[in-house]
């Protein structure tokens, strides 16, 4: 049913978009109207809702834009054989801090078997063989990670209209992160907003607008295309490194995407978005009666794969030097069954 509804809407409006500039201008003008309350959030969510676009049973959302052809084209972008890891270290010195209502903590790493066991001649049941084993306990979203489409609910629903009750103490029965186990690969594009603005980092609470995204794309001479994995640099990681600590990185005021950019991302049909901040969107939010409004629009309604806490500094430096802001991007999830997020160690390959 949803697929038919979406196709009918596209036949009515999508075809006009190609031939009737007035419709495009209306859309562009509407994105410039500032959303300041829950009512505006709800209107935007309904306008950008993709439920049924890829069928009633879909659990992938916008990652459907990253087709096999896109992956083949992305592989052709590898020219130097240079690999950049975009992950922060997974250790106890991470960005998480005690916050009211916050359940996340930094990774806990401990050992199950060590070399000390050998030197102490501890009883080991195997003849001759000796080694080490360890254990890691971590929230899936404590460091560099992807959010699954089961992570955020909108009026009791998650992506594609699935009921939020399908996420239980046993995990997500729908929209679990395991659905992406072989999907997160394609053309990556870096929009370095901080460099474009000629600053080391954007100031806290700076709202990145759709106009900023266009300006940066034009400055870098790179087009954001359907199926791209879009990385947006605010310089937040550079700020953390220069001051020597995370401080209020997790949950504090931060530069980020204005809620209106959801429409820009919708029009460009990107596969995923990731940034160097804790929560992608600007904080504090512009909507006093709605926390994290951008999340509410793009995750459960648009079905957009979203990444957070990416370290883009080395990549940005290289892109600034060779003026090449596109690359092959590979960032697999760990296929925890039913998880609502996953740690990742993303690669940008040039």
Protein backbone atom coordinates (compact mmCIF):
# COMPACT_ATOMS: atom_id res chain seq x y z
CA UNK A 1 0.00 0.00 0.00
CA UNK A 2 2.70 2.47 1.04
CA UNK A 3 4.66 1.73 -2.12
CA UNK A 4 1.63 2.59 -4.28
CA UNK A 5 1.03 5.79 -2.33
CA UNK A 6 4.61 6.89 -2.76
CA UNK A 7 4.62 6.09 -6.48
CA UNK A 8 1.40 8.05 -6.98
CA UNK A 9 2.87 11.02 -5.14
CA UNK A 10 6.02 10.86 -7.22
CA UNK A 11 4.07 10.63 -10.47
CA UNK A 12 2.13 13.72 -9.44
CA UNK A 13 4.93 15.86 -8.00
CA UNK A 14 8.23 14.23 -8.93
CA UNK A 15 7.62 14.52 -12.66
CA UNK A 16 6.60 18.15 -12.22
CA UNK A 17 9.84 18.77 -10.36
CA UNK A 18 11.76 18.02 -13.54
CA UNK A 19 9.76 20.39 -15.71
CA UNK A 20 8.21 22.98 -13.42
CA UNK A 21 10.77 25.24 -11.79
CA UNK A 22 8.10 26.87 -9.66
CA UNK A 23 7.64 23.68 -7.63
CA UNK A 24 11.38 23.53 -6.97
CA UNK A 25 11.39 27.17 -5.93
CA UNK A 26 8.51 26.58 -3.54
CA UNK A 27 10.47 23.73 -1.98
CA UNK A 28 13.60 25.87 -1.74
CA UNK A 29 11.72 28.75 -0.18
CA UNK A 30 10.00 26.49 2.33
CA UNK A 31 13.39 25.19 3.49
CA UNK A 32 14.33 28.76 4.37
CA UNK A 33 11.37 29.16 6.75
CA UNK A 34 12.71 28.78 10.26
CA UNK A 35 11.19 25.93 12.27
CA UNK A 36 10.90 26.88 15.92
CA UNK A 37 8.26 24.59 17.41
CA UNK A 38 6.89 21.05 17.41
CA UNK A 39 4.19 21.97 14.91
CA UNK A 40 6.82 22.87 12.33
CA UNK A 41 8.73 19.68 13.08
CA UNK A 42 5.63 17.60 12.45
CA UNK A 43 4.90 19.32 9.15
CA UNK A 44 8.47 18.73 7.96
CA UNK A 45 8.43 15.10 9.10
CA UNK A 46 5.29 14.36 7.12
CA UNK A 47 6.58 16.18 4.04
CA UNK A 48 9.84 14.22 4.00
CA UNK A 49 8.45 10.86 5.08
CA UNK A 50 9.74 7.98 2.93
CA UNK A 51 7.61 5.18 4.38
CA UNK A 52 6.82 2.65 1.69
CA UNK A 53 9.21 4.15 -0.85
CA UNK A 54 11.19 0.89 -1.02
CA UNK A 55 8.31 -1.40 -0.10
CA UNK A 56 6.26 -2.11 3.00
CA UNK A 57 8.91 -4.47 4.45
CA UNK A 58 11.95 -2.25 3.99
CA UNK A 59 14.41 -1.92 6.89
CA UNK A 60 17.21 -0.05 5.09
CA UNK A 61 15.84 3.38 4.25
CA UNK A 62 18.11 5.73 2.31
CA UNK A 63 20.95 3.22 2.11
CA UNK A 64 18.92 1.85 -0.82
CA UNK A 65 20.37 4.76 -2.81
CA UNK A 66 23.86 3.19 -2.51
CA UNK A 67 23.53 0.77 -5.42
CA UNK A 68 26.08 -1.64 -6.85
CA UNK A 69 26.80 0.81 -9.66
CA UNK A 70 27.60 3.48 -7.07
CA UNK A 71 30.06 1.15 -5.36
CA UNK A 72 31.84 0.38 -8.65
CA UNK A 73 32.15 4.09 -9.39
CA UNK A 74 33.43 4.74 -5.85
CA UNK A 75 36.20 2.17 -6.31
CA UNK A 76 37.51 4.23 -9.23
CA UNK A 77 38.18 7.12 -6.83
CA UNK A 78 41.09 5.23 -5.24
CA UNK A 79 44.21 6.74 -6.83
CA UNK A 80 46.83 7.14 -4.08
CA UNK A 81 46.23 4.03 -2.01
CA UNK A 82 45.92 6.23 1.07
CA UNK A 83 43.61 5.10 3.88
CA UNK A 84 42.21 7.33 6.62
CA UNK A 85 40.59 5.91 9.72
CA UNK A 86 37.76 8.17 10.86
CA UNK A 87 37.28 6.61 14.28
CA UNK A 88 38.25 7.89 17.70
CA UNK A 89 39.96 5.45 20.10
CA UNK A 90 37.63 3.08 21.92
CA UNK A 91 38.87 3.40 25.50
CA UNK A 92 38.02 4.71 28.95
CA UNK A 93 39.16 8.23 27.99
CA UNK A 94 36.29 8.69 25.53
CA UNK A 95 33.75 11.51 25.33
CA UNK A 96 30.96 10.12 27.51
CA UNK A 97 30.32 11.84 30.84
CA UNK A 98 27.72 11.59 33.62
CA UNK A 99 24.58 13.45 32.56
CA UNK A 100 21.08 13.51 33.99
CA UNK A 101 19.17 10.76 32.23
CA UNK A 102 22.20 9.65 30.18
CA UNK A 103 22.90 5.91 30.25
CA UNK A 104 26.01 5.77 28.08
CA UNK A 105 29.53 5.31 29.38
CA UNK A 106 32.95 4.93 27.82
CA UNK A 107 34.18 1.46 26.83
CA UNK A 108 35.31 -0.84 29.61
CA UNK A 109 38.17 -3.11 28.61
CA UNK A 110 39.37 -5.87 30.88
CA UNK A 111 41.35 -9.08 30.49
CA UNK A 112 40.14 -12.65 30.85
CA UNK A 113 43.57 -14.19 30.52
CA UNK A 114 46.99 -12.50 30.50
CA UNK A 115 50.72 -13.09 30.38
CA UNK A 116 50.75 -12.70 34.14
CA UNK A 117 48.78 -15.91 34.37
CA UNK A 118 51.64 -17.65 32.60
CA UNK A 119 54.41 -16.13 34.69
CA UNK A 120 52.47 -16.95 37.87
CA UNK A 121 52.11 -20.52 36.65
CA UNK A 122 48.31 -20.28 37.00
CA UNK A 123 46.43 -23.50 36.27
CA UNK A 124 45.64 -23.64 32.54
CA UNK A 125 43.87 -26.73 31.14
CA UNK A 126 45.67 -26.90 27.78
CA UNK A 127 48.98 -28.63 27.19
CA UNK A 128 51.77 -26.20 26.19
CA UNK A 129 49.48 -23.61 24.53
CA UNK A 130 49.35 -20.21 26.25
CA UNK A 131 47.77 -16.87 25.25
CA UNK A 132 45.62 -13.90 26.19
CA UNK A 133 41.91 -13.11 25.94
CA UNK A 134 40.00 -9.96 26.73
CA UNK A 135 36.51 -8.57 27.23
CA UNK A 136 34.98 -5.26 26.14
CA UNK A 137 31.74 -3.81 27.54
CA UNK A 138 30.38 -0.75 25.79
CA UNK A 139 27.20 1.04 24.76
CA UNK A 140 26.99 0.73 20.99
CA UNK A 141 26.83 4.53 20.60
CA UNK A 142 29.56 5.58 23.04
CA UNK A 143 32.23 6.39 20.42
CA UNK A 144 32.31 6.50 16.59
CA UNK A 145 29.09 4.79 15.53
CA UNK A 146 26.08 4.43 13.28
CA UNK A 147 22.50 4.81 14.49
CA UNK A 148 20.08 2.11 13.37
CA UNK A 149 16.61 3.07 12.16
CA UNK A 150 15.22 1.55 15.37
CA UNK A 151 17.06 4.13 17.49
CA UNK A 152 14.47 6.93 17.43
CA UNK A 153 10.68 6.78 17.58
CA UNK A 154 8.18 9.28 16.20
CA UNK A 155 4.73 9.23 17.75
CA UNK A 156 5.11 5.56 18.65
CA UNK A 157 6.51 4.51 15.28
CA UNK A 158 9.97 3.91 13.87
CA UNK A 159 11.17 3.77 10.27
CA UNK A 160 8.66 2.56 7.68
CA UNK A 161 5.76 2.64 10.14
CA UNK A 162 6.92 -0.23 12.35
CA UNK A 163 5.56 0.04 15.89
CA UNK A 164 8.00 1.01 18.62
CA UNK A 165 6.81 -1.98 20.68
CA UNK A 166 8.89 -4.14 18.32
CA UNK A 167 11.96 -2.89 20.18
CA UNK A 168 12.03 -4.85 23.43
CA UNK A 169 14.56 -5.79 26.10
CA UNK A 170 15.66 -8.50 23.66
CA UNK A 171 16.46 -5.91 20.99
CA UNK A 172 14.88 -4.61 17.80
CA UNK A 173 12.74 -7.09 15.89
CA UNK A 174 12.66 -4.63 13.00
CA UNK A 175 15.22 -2.08 11.74
CA UNK A 176 18.10 -3.65 13.67
CA UNK A 177 21.63 -2.59 12.79
CA UNK A 178 22.39 -6.05 11.35
CA UNK A 179 20.46 -5.07 8.23
CA UNK A 180 23.44 -2.91 7.22
CA UNK A 181 26.05 -5.66 7.53
CA UNK A 182 27.02 -5.47 3.83
CA UNK A 183 25.66 -2.06 2.88
CA UNK A 184 27.82 0.80 4.15
CA UNK A 185 30.18 1.31 1.22
CA UNK A 186 30.23 3.80 -1.64
CA UNK A 187 31.28 7.30 -2.62
CA UNK A 188 32.17 9.52 0.29
CA UNK A 189 32.10 13.32 0.11
CA UNK A 190 33.56 15.64 2.72
CA UNK A 191 32.01 19.06 3.17
CA UNK A 192 34.49 20.91 5.37
CA UNK A 193 32.28 23.72 6.63
CA UNK A 194 34.89 25.03 9.07
CA UNK A 195 37.53 25.35 6.35
CA UNK A 196 35.01 26.92 4.02
CA UNK A 197 34.25 29.52 6.70
CA UNK A 198 38.01 30.01 7.24
CA UNK A 199 37.91 29.09 10.94
CA UNK A 200 39.56 26.30 12.93
CA UNK A 201 36.17 25.22 14.21
CA UNK A 202 32.62 26.50 14.15
CA UNK A 203 31.42 28.20 17.30
CA UNK A 204 29.10 26.32 19.67
CA UNK A 205 25.45 26.54 18.60
CA UNK A 206 26.41 27.53 15.01
CA UNK A 207 23.57 26.37 12.76
CA UNK A 208 24.75 24.86 9.49
CA UNK A 209 22.13 25.80 6.92
CA UNK A 210 21.26 24.43 3.51
CA UNK A 211 22.92 27.53 2.07
CA UNK A 212 26.11 26.65 3.96
CA UNK A 213 26.06 23.16 2.44
CA UNK A 214 25.65 24.60 -1.07
CA UNK A 215 28.35 27.20 -0.49
CA UNK A 216 30.81 24.58 0.72
CA UNK A 217 29.99 22.20 -2.13
CA UNK A 218 30.59 24.99 -4.65
CA UNK A 219 33.81 26.09 -2.94
CA UNK A 220 35.20 22.55 -3.01
CA UNK A 221 33.97 22.00 -6.57
CA UNK A 222 32.33 18.72 -5.56
CA UNK A 223 28.74 17.68 -6.19
CA UNK A 224 26.69 15.81 -3.62
CA UNK A 225 24.90 13.07 -5.52
CA UNK A 226 22.33 10.36 -4.98
CA UNK A 227 23.74 7.49 -2.92
CA UNK A 228 26.63 9.47 -1.42
CA UNK A 229 27.91 9.09 2.10
CA UNK A 230 28.11 12.69 3.21
CA UNK A 231 30.65 13.66 5.89
CA UNK A 232 30.34 17.11 7.41
CA UNK A 233 33.21 18.67 9.36
CA UNK A 234 32.55 21.34 11.96
CA UNK A 235 36.05 21.26 13.47
CA UNK A 236 34.68 20.04 16.80
CA UNK A 237 37.35 17.31 17.01
CA UNK A 238 40.10 19.87 16.35
CA UNK A 239 38.76 21.89 19.27
CA UNK A 240 38.79 18.82 21.54
CA UNK A 241 42.38 18.00 20.59
CA UNK A 242 43.63 21.55 21.03
CA UNK A 243 42.13 22.00 24.49
CA UNK A 244 43.28 18.52 25.54
CA UNK A 245 39.93 17.15 26.74
CA UNK A 246 36.38 16.32 25.80
CA UNK A 247 34.72 18.58 28.40
CA UNK A 248 31.13 19.20 27.22
CA UNK A 249 31.51 17.45 23.84
CA UNK A 250 28.85 14.88 24.79
CA UNK A 251 25.53 16.62 25.21
CA UNK A 252 26.80 20.19 25.36
CA UNK A 253 26.23 23.13 23.05
CA UNK A 254 27.64 22.31 19.63
CA UNK A 255 27.61 23.41 16.01
CA UNK A 256 25.49 21.22 13.79
CA UNK A 257 22.88 20.88 11.13
CA UNK A 258 19.81 23.08 11.32
CA UNK A 259 16.59 21.10 11.15
CA UNK A 260 15.80 22.70 7.78
CA UNK A 261 18.78 20.86 6.21
CA UNK A 262 16.70 17.68 6.34
CA UNK A 263 14.96 18.93 3.22
CA UNK A 264 18.31 19.53 1.48
CA UNK A 265 19.39 15.98 2.29
CA UNK A 266 16.04 14.66 1.09
CA UNK A 267 16.41 16.41 -2.27
CA UNK A 268 19.99 15.19 -2.74
CA UNK A 269 19.00 11.59 -1.88
CA UNK A 270 22.15 10.86 0.11
CA UNK A 271 22.61 7.37 1.54
CA UNK A 272 23.95 8.52 4.89
CA UNK A 273 25.26 11.50 6.85
CA UNK A 274 27.97 11.59 9.51
CA UNK A 275 29.69 14.41 11.38
CA UNK A 276 32.44 15.07 13.91
CA UNK A 277 29.97 16.01 16.65
CA UNK A 278 28.12 14.12 19.37
CA UNK A 279 24.69 14.48 17.80
CA UNK A 280 24.96 15.84 14.21
CA UNK A 281 22.32 18.53 14.73
CA UNK A 282 22.89 21.93 16.31
CA UNK A 283 22.64 22.25 20.08
CA UNK A 284 20.82 23.82 21.74
CA UNK A 285 17.93 22.93 19.46
CA UNK A 286 15.85 25.71 17.94
CA UNK A 287 12.65 24.03 19.17
CA UNK A 288 12.08 24.49 22.89
CA UNK A 289 9.17 22.04 22.93
CA UNK A 290 10.97 19.25 21.04
CA UNK A 291 14.38 17.73 21.78
CA UNK A 292 16.57 16.70 18.84
CA UNK A 293 14.02 17.59 16.13
CA UNK A 294 16.40 16.81 13.24
CA UNK A 295 16.75 13.25 14.58
CA UNK A 296 12.98 12.88 14.67
CA UNK A 297 12.65 13.92 11.04
CA UNK A 298 15.54 12.04 9.43
CA UNK A 299 15.68 8.71 11.30
CA UNK A 300 12.10 7.44 11.72
CA UNK A 301 10.58 9.44 8.86
CA UNK A 302 13.20 9.78 6.12
CA UNK A 303 15.01 6.57 7.01
CA UNK A 304 18.42 8.25 6.86
CA UNK A 305 21.45 6.35 8.13
CA UNK A 306 23.30 8.64 10.54
CA UNK A 307 26.80 8.54 12.01
CA UNK A 308 28.22 10.44 14.96
CA UNK A 309 31.56 11.14 16.65
CA UNK A 310 33.62 10.73 13.46
CA UNK A 311 37.20 12.05 13.51
CA UNK A 312 37.60 13.87 10.19
CA UNK A 313 40.78 15.83 10.95
CA UNK A 314 43.42 13.87 8.99
CA UNK A 315 41.09 13.39 6.06
CA UNK A 316 40.23 17.10 6.01
CA UNK A 317 43.90 18.03 6.02
CA UNK A 318 44.61 15.79 3.05
CA UNK A 319 41.55 17.02 1.15
CA UNK A 320 42.64 20.59 1.78
CA UNK A 321 46.06 19.85 0.32
CA UNK A 322 45.07 17.99 -2.85
CA UNK A 323 41.67 19.69 -3.29
CA UNK A 324 39.99 16.31 -3.76
CA UNK A 325 36.94 15.97 -1.52
CA UNK A 326 35.56 12.68 -2.85
CA UNK A 327 36.83 9.19 -2.03
CA UNK A 328 35.82 5.61 -1.53
CA UNK A 329 34.07 5.19 1.82
CA UNK A 330 33.81 1.92 3.76
CA UNK A 331 32.27 1.83 7.25
CA UNK A 332 30.76 -1.55 8.12
CA UNK A 333 28.64 -2.10 11.17
CA UNK A 334 29.16 -4.94 13.61
CA UNK A 335 26.04 -7.03 12.95
CA UNK A 336 24.79 -7.28 16.52
CA UNK A 337 21.38 -8.88 16.06
CA UNK A 338 18.64 -6.47 17.07
CA UNK A 339 20.97 -3.65 18.11
CA UNK A 340 19.89 -0.03 17.65
CA UNK A 341 23.41 1.15 16.89
CA UNK A 342 26.90 -0.10 16.13
CA UNK A 343 30.49 0.98 16.68
CA UNK A 344 32.43 1.44 13.45
CA UNK A 345 35.94 2.19 12.25
CA UNK A 346 35.21 4.04 9.00
CA UNK A 347 37.74 4.22 6.16
CA UNK A 348 38.09 6.98 3.61
CA UNK A 349 40.28 5.66 0.80
CA UNK A 350 41.90 8.00 -1.74
